N, C-alpha and C. Protein backbone atom coordinates (compact mmCIF):
# COMPACT_ATOMS: atom_id res chain seq x y z
N MET A 1 142.41 64.38 -73.95
CA MET A 1 143.36 64.25 -74.50
C MET A 1 143.87 62.92 -74.98
N ARG A 2 143.50 61.65 -74.09
CA ARG A 2 143.58 60.57 -74.27
C ARG A 2 142.81 60.01 -75.62
N PHE A 3 141.56 60.65 -75.62
CA PHE A 3 141.01 60.39 -77.10
C PHE A 3 141.37 60.72 -78.40
N TRP A 4 142.11 61.91 -78.41
CA TRP A 4 142.72 62.43 -79.37
C TRP A 4 144.06 61.66 -79.72
N LEU A 5 144.68 60.98 -78.78
CA LEU A 5 145.61 60.41 -79.33
C LEU A 5 145.57 58.98 -79.61
N ILE A 6 144.27 58.50 -79.08
CA ILE A 6 143.89 57.08 -79.66
C ILE A 6 143.32 57.02 -81.13
N LEU A 7 142.77 58.25 -81.30
CA LEU A 7 142.08 58.59 -82.47
C LEU A 7 143.41 58.88 -83.60
N ILE A 8 144.47 59.74 -83.59
CA ILE A 8 145.49 59.78 -84.16
C ILE A 8 146.30 58.52 -84.43
N LEU A 9 146.29 57.50 -83.65
CA LEU A 9 147.13 56.26 -83.71
C LEU A 9 146.21 55.22 -84.21
N LEU A 10 145.00 55.47 -84.30
CA LEU A 10 144.13 54.57 -85.18
C LEU A 10 144.18 55.02 -86.55
N PHE A 11 144.26 56.32 -86.69
CA PHE A 11 144.42 56.95 -87.98
C PHE A 11 145.42 56.52 -88.59
N PHE A 12 146.73 56.40 -88.03
CA PHE A 12 147.93 56.26 -88.67
C PHE A 12 148.18 54.68 -88.79
N ALA A 13 147.46 53.84 -88.06
CA ALA A 13 147.37 52.36 -88.19
C ALA A 13 146.64 52.22 -89.60
N VAL A 14 145.64 52.79 -89.71
CA VAL A 14 144.69 52.23 -90.56
C VAL A 14 145.31 52.93 -92.14
N ARG A 15 146.11 54.03 -91.96
CA ARG A 15 146.78 54.76 -93.18
C ARG A 15 147.93 53.84 -93.83
N TYR A 16 148.73 53.47 -92.82
CA TYR A 16 150.02 52.94 -93.18
C TYR A 16 150.09 51.32 -92.73
N VAL A 17 149.48 50.91 -91.94
CA VAL A 17 149.82 49.63 -91.39
C VAL A 17 149.09 48.72 -91.97
N LEU A 18 147.82 49.02 -92.09
CA LEU A 18 146.69 48.23 -92.73
C LEU A 18 146.73 47.75 -94.30
N PRO A 19 147.33 48.48 -95.26
CA PRO A 19 147.53 48.37 -96.44
C PRO A 19 148.80 47.18 -96.44
N ILE A 20 149.62 47.38 -95.79
CA ILE A 20 150.86 46.25 -95.92
C ILE A 20 150.22 44.93 -95.56
N VAL A 21 149.44 44.85 -94.43
CA VAL A 21 149.19 43.75 -93.91
C VAL A 21 147.98 43.34 -94.82
N LEU A 22 147.15 43.88 -95.66
CA LEU A 22 146.31 43.46 -96.44
C LEU A 22 147.17 42.73 -97.79
N ARG A 23 148.31 43.73 -98.25
CA ARG A 23 149.05 43.29 -99.26
C ARG A 23 149.51 41.80 -99.06
N VAL A 24 150.28 41.59 -97.81
CA VAL A 24 150.59 40.31 -97.63
C VAL A 24 149.61 38.93 -97.61
N VAL A 25 148.40 39.33 -96.95
CA VAL A 25 147.27 38.58 -96.94
C VAL A 25 146.86 38.24 -98.14
N LEU A 26 146.59 39.18 -99.00
CA LEU A 26 145.97 38.99 -100.31
C LEU A 26 147.05 38.27 -101.22
N THR A 27 148.48 38.30 -101.15
CA THR A 27 149.36 38.04 -102.03
C THR A 27 149.34 36.36 -101.48
N GLY A 28 149.31 36.02 -100.54
CA GLY A 28 149.29 34.66 -99.98
C GLY A 28 148.19 34.25 -100.46
N PHE A 29 146.88 34.75 -100.65
CA PHE A 29 145.78 33.96 -100.91
C PHE A 29 145.86 33.64 -102.63
N VAL A 30 146.27 34.83 -102.96
CA VAL A 30 146.49 34.72 -104.68
C VAL A 30 147.22 33.87 -104.92
N ARG A 31 148.57 33.37 -104.34
CA ARG A 31 149.55 32.46 -104.55
C ARG A 31 148.84 31.12 -104.55
N LYS A 32 148.01 30.97 -103.43
CA LYS A 32 147.50 29.66 -103.09
C LYS A 32 146.38 29.33 -104.03
N GLN A 33 145.63 30.21 -104.36
CA GLN A 33 144.74 29.89 -105.47
C GLN A 33 145.24 29.48 -106.73
N MET A 34 146.33 30.04 -107.35
CA MET A 34 146.88 29.82 -108.38
C MET A 34 147.54 28.52 -108.42
N ARG A 35 148.20 27.97 -107.23
CA ARG A 35 148.50 26.81 -107.16
C ARG A 35 147.49 25.72 -107.40
N ASN A 36 146.37 25.86 -106.64
CA ASN A 36 145.37 24.95 -106.71
C ASN A 36 144.39 25.13 -108.00
N GLY A 37 144.72 26.04 -109.10
CA GLY A 37 144.14 26.31 -110.20
C GLY A 37 142.56 26.93 -109.74
N GLY A 38 142.53 27.67 -108.58
CA GLY A 38 141.39 28.03 -108.47
C GLY A 38 140.72 29.28 -109.24
N PHE A 39 141.63 30.04 -110.09
CA PHE A 39 141.29 31.05 -110.95
C PHE A 39 141.34 30.75 -112.40
N GLY A 40 141.10 29.33 -112.50
CA GLY A 40 141.14 28.85 -113.78
C GLY A 40 139.80 29.31 -114.85
N VAL A 41 139.98 29.14 -115.89
CA VAL A 41 138.59 29.50 -116.74
C VAL A 41 137.86 28.28 -117.18
N PRO A 42 136.57 28.01 -116.66
CA PRO A 42 135.68 26.88 -117.02
C PRO A 42 136.08 26.46 -118.43
N PRO A 43 136.26 25.11 -118.61
CA PRO A 43 136.29 24.78 -120.33
C PRO A 43 135.22 25.12 -121.16
N GLN A 44 133.86 25.30 -120.88
CA GLN A 44 133.08 25.69 -121.70
C GLN A 44 133.23 27.02 -122.01
N SER A 45 133.59 28.14 -121.36
CA SER A 45 133.70 29.52 -121.49
C SER A 45 135.08 29.75 -122.15
N ARG A 46 136.18 29.04 -122.30
CA ARG A 46 137.24 28.77 -122.85
C ARG A 46 137.33 29.47 -124.55
N PRO A 47 137.77 30.39 -125.01
CA PRO A 47 137.60 30.71 -126.24
C PRO A 47 138.39 29.79 -127.33
N GLY A 48 137.84 29.32 -128.32
CA GLY A 48 138.65 28.39 -129.17
C GLY A 48 139.38 29.25 -130.06
N PRO A 49 139.93 28.59 -131.43
CA PRO A 49 140.49 29.33 -132.12
C PRO A 49 139.42 30.05 -133.06
N PRO A 50 139.82 31.17 -133.41
CA PRO A 50 138.72 31.97 -134.24
C PRO A 50 138.72 31.56 -135.43
N PRO A 51 137.06 31.62 -136.01
CA PRO A 51 137.20 30.81 -137.30
C PRO A 51 137.66 31.51 -138.55
N ALA A 52 137.84 31.02 -139.61
CA ALA A 52 138.45 31.58 -140.91
C ALA A 52 137.41 32.55 -141.28
N PRO A 53 137.69 33.55 -142.27
CA PRO A 53 136.66 34.66 -142.76
C PRO A 53 135.66 33.74 -143.48
N GLY A 54 134.50 34.01 -143.30
CA GLY A 54 133.37 33.30 -143.98
C GLY A 54 133.06 32.09 -143.36
N GLU A 55 133.76 31.49 -142.28
CA GLU A 55 133.18 30.21 -141.92
C GLU A 55 132.40 30.79 -140.32
N VAL A 56 131.73 29.95 -140.10
CA VAL A 56 130.50 30.04 -138.45
C VAL A 56 131.20 28.91 -137.72
N ARG A 57 131.25 29.28 -136.47
CA ARG A 57 131.67 28.30 -135.47
C ARG A 57 130.43 28.05 -134.49
N VAL A 58 129.82 26.89 -134.66
CA VAL A 58 128.75 26.68 -133.44
C VAL A 58 129.09 25.90 -132.38
N ASP A 59 128.86 26.41 -131.17
CA ASP A 59 129.20 26.03 -130.07
C ASP A 59 128.11 24.74 -129.37
N TYR A 60 127.12 25.11 -129.70
CA TYR A 60 125.90 23.94 -129.10
C TYR A 60 125.04 23.86 -130.13
N VAL A 61 124.54 22.48 -130.48
CA VAL A 61 123.80 22.23 -131.27
C VAL A 61 122.58 21.48 -130.65
N PRO A 62 121.19 21.87 -130.32
CA PRO A 62 120.32 21.06 -129.56
C PRO A 62 119.78 19.77 -130.45
N PRO A 63 119.74 18.65 -129.64
CA PRO A 63 118.98 17.64 -130.04
C PRO A 63 118.14 17.63 -130.88
N ILE A 64 117.90 16.97 -132.17
CA ILE A 64 116.66 17.16 -132.98
C ILE A 64 115.53 16.32 -132.44
N THR A 65 114.34 16.75 -132.47
CA THR A 65 113.39 15.48 -132.14
C THR A 65 112.56 15.18 -133.29
N PRO A 66 111.83 14.25 -133.40
CA PRO A 66 110.95 14.25 -134.71
C PRO A 66 109.84 15.21 -134.67
N LYS A 67 109.01 15.49 -135.76
CA LYS A 67 108.22 16.50 -135.75
C LYS A 67 106.91 16.11 -134.66
N GLY A 68 106.22 16.89 -133.91
CA GLY A 68 105.17 16.78 -133.28
C GLY A 68 105.40 16.14 -131.83
N GLU A 69 106.58 15.62 -131.84
CA GLU A 69 107.01 14.84 -130.39
C GLU A 69 107.71 15.85 -129.56
N LYS A 70 107.18 15.96 -128.35
CA LYS A 70 107.92 16.97 -127.30
C LYS A 70 108.96 16.10 -126.77
N PRO A 71 109.99 16.99 -126.46
CA PRO A 71 111.35 16.42 -125.74
C PRO A 71 110.94 15.78 -124.43
N PRO A 72 111.45 14.84 -123.79
CA PRO A 72 111.36 14.27 -122.50
C PRO A 72 111.54 15.72 -121.57
N GLY A 73 110.49 15.89 -120.37
CA GLY A 73 110.84 16.61 -119.56
C GLY A 73 110.27 18.11 -119.85
N PHE A 74 109.33 18.11 -121.06
CA PHE A 74 108.60 19.22 -121.42
C PHE A 74 107.70 19.54 -120.61
N LYS A 75 107.61 20.73 -120.09
CA LYS A 75 106.37 21.08 -119.20
C LYS A 75 105.40 22.11 -119.47
N GLY A 76 105.73 22.60 -121.05
CA GLY A 76 105.08 23.93 -121.59
C GLY A 76 104.05 23.26 -122.27
N GLY A 77 103.26 24.37 -123.09
CA GLY A 77 102.22 23.91 -124.11
C GLY A 77 102.64 24.42 -125.21
N GLU A 78 101.64 24.58 -126.06
CA GLU A 78 101.60 25.21 -127.23
C GLU A 78 101.75 26.80 -127.34
N TYR A 79 102.32 27.43 -128.18
CA TYR A 79 102.25 28.88 -128.26
C TYR A 79 101.00 29.46 -128.47
N VAL A 80 100.51 30.31 -127.65
CA VAL A 80 99.18 30.96 -127.93
C VAL A 80 99.57 32.74 -128.06
N ASP A 81 98.77 32.98 -129.22
CA ASP A 81 98.94 34.22 -129.57
C ASP A 81 98.44 35.25 -128.57
N PHE A 82 99.23 36.41 -128.31
CA PHE A 82 99.10 37.25 -127.28
C PHE A 82 98.71 38.50 -127.77
N GLU A 83 97.52 39.24 -127.13
CA GLU A 83 96.60 40.39 -127.55
C GLU A 83 96.62 41.29 -126.45
N GLU A 84 97.38 42.48 -126.46
CA GLU A 84 97.07 43.01 -124.90
C GLU A 84 95.59 44.00 -124.94
N VAL A 85 94.96 43.82 -123.89
CA VAL A 85 93.66 44.31 -123.72
C VAL A 85 93.80 45.76 -122.74
N LYS A 86 93.44 46.71 -123.34
CA LYS A 86 93.34 47.91 -122.54
C LYS A 86 92.16 48.44 -121.71
């Protein structure tokens, strides 16, 4: 009998009390994050104004290197054509 009473009390606690407690805790957390700017969008992913029709907006242009010169820190080699062998 004692087991069933504890089980019913746990069920009601989880069903009715836990959502109220979680709502209060999460509301406080979200308010704190909003005050500190924790949910802000990083500047690089913030969308800018949409381009006018017929125009193209480029977010990143890689640096131009002279032909034949490898950029600093380049650890690769030349492209080798790949053929699958069965």
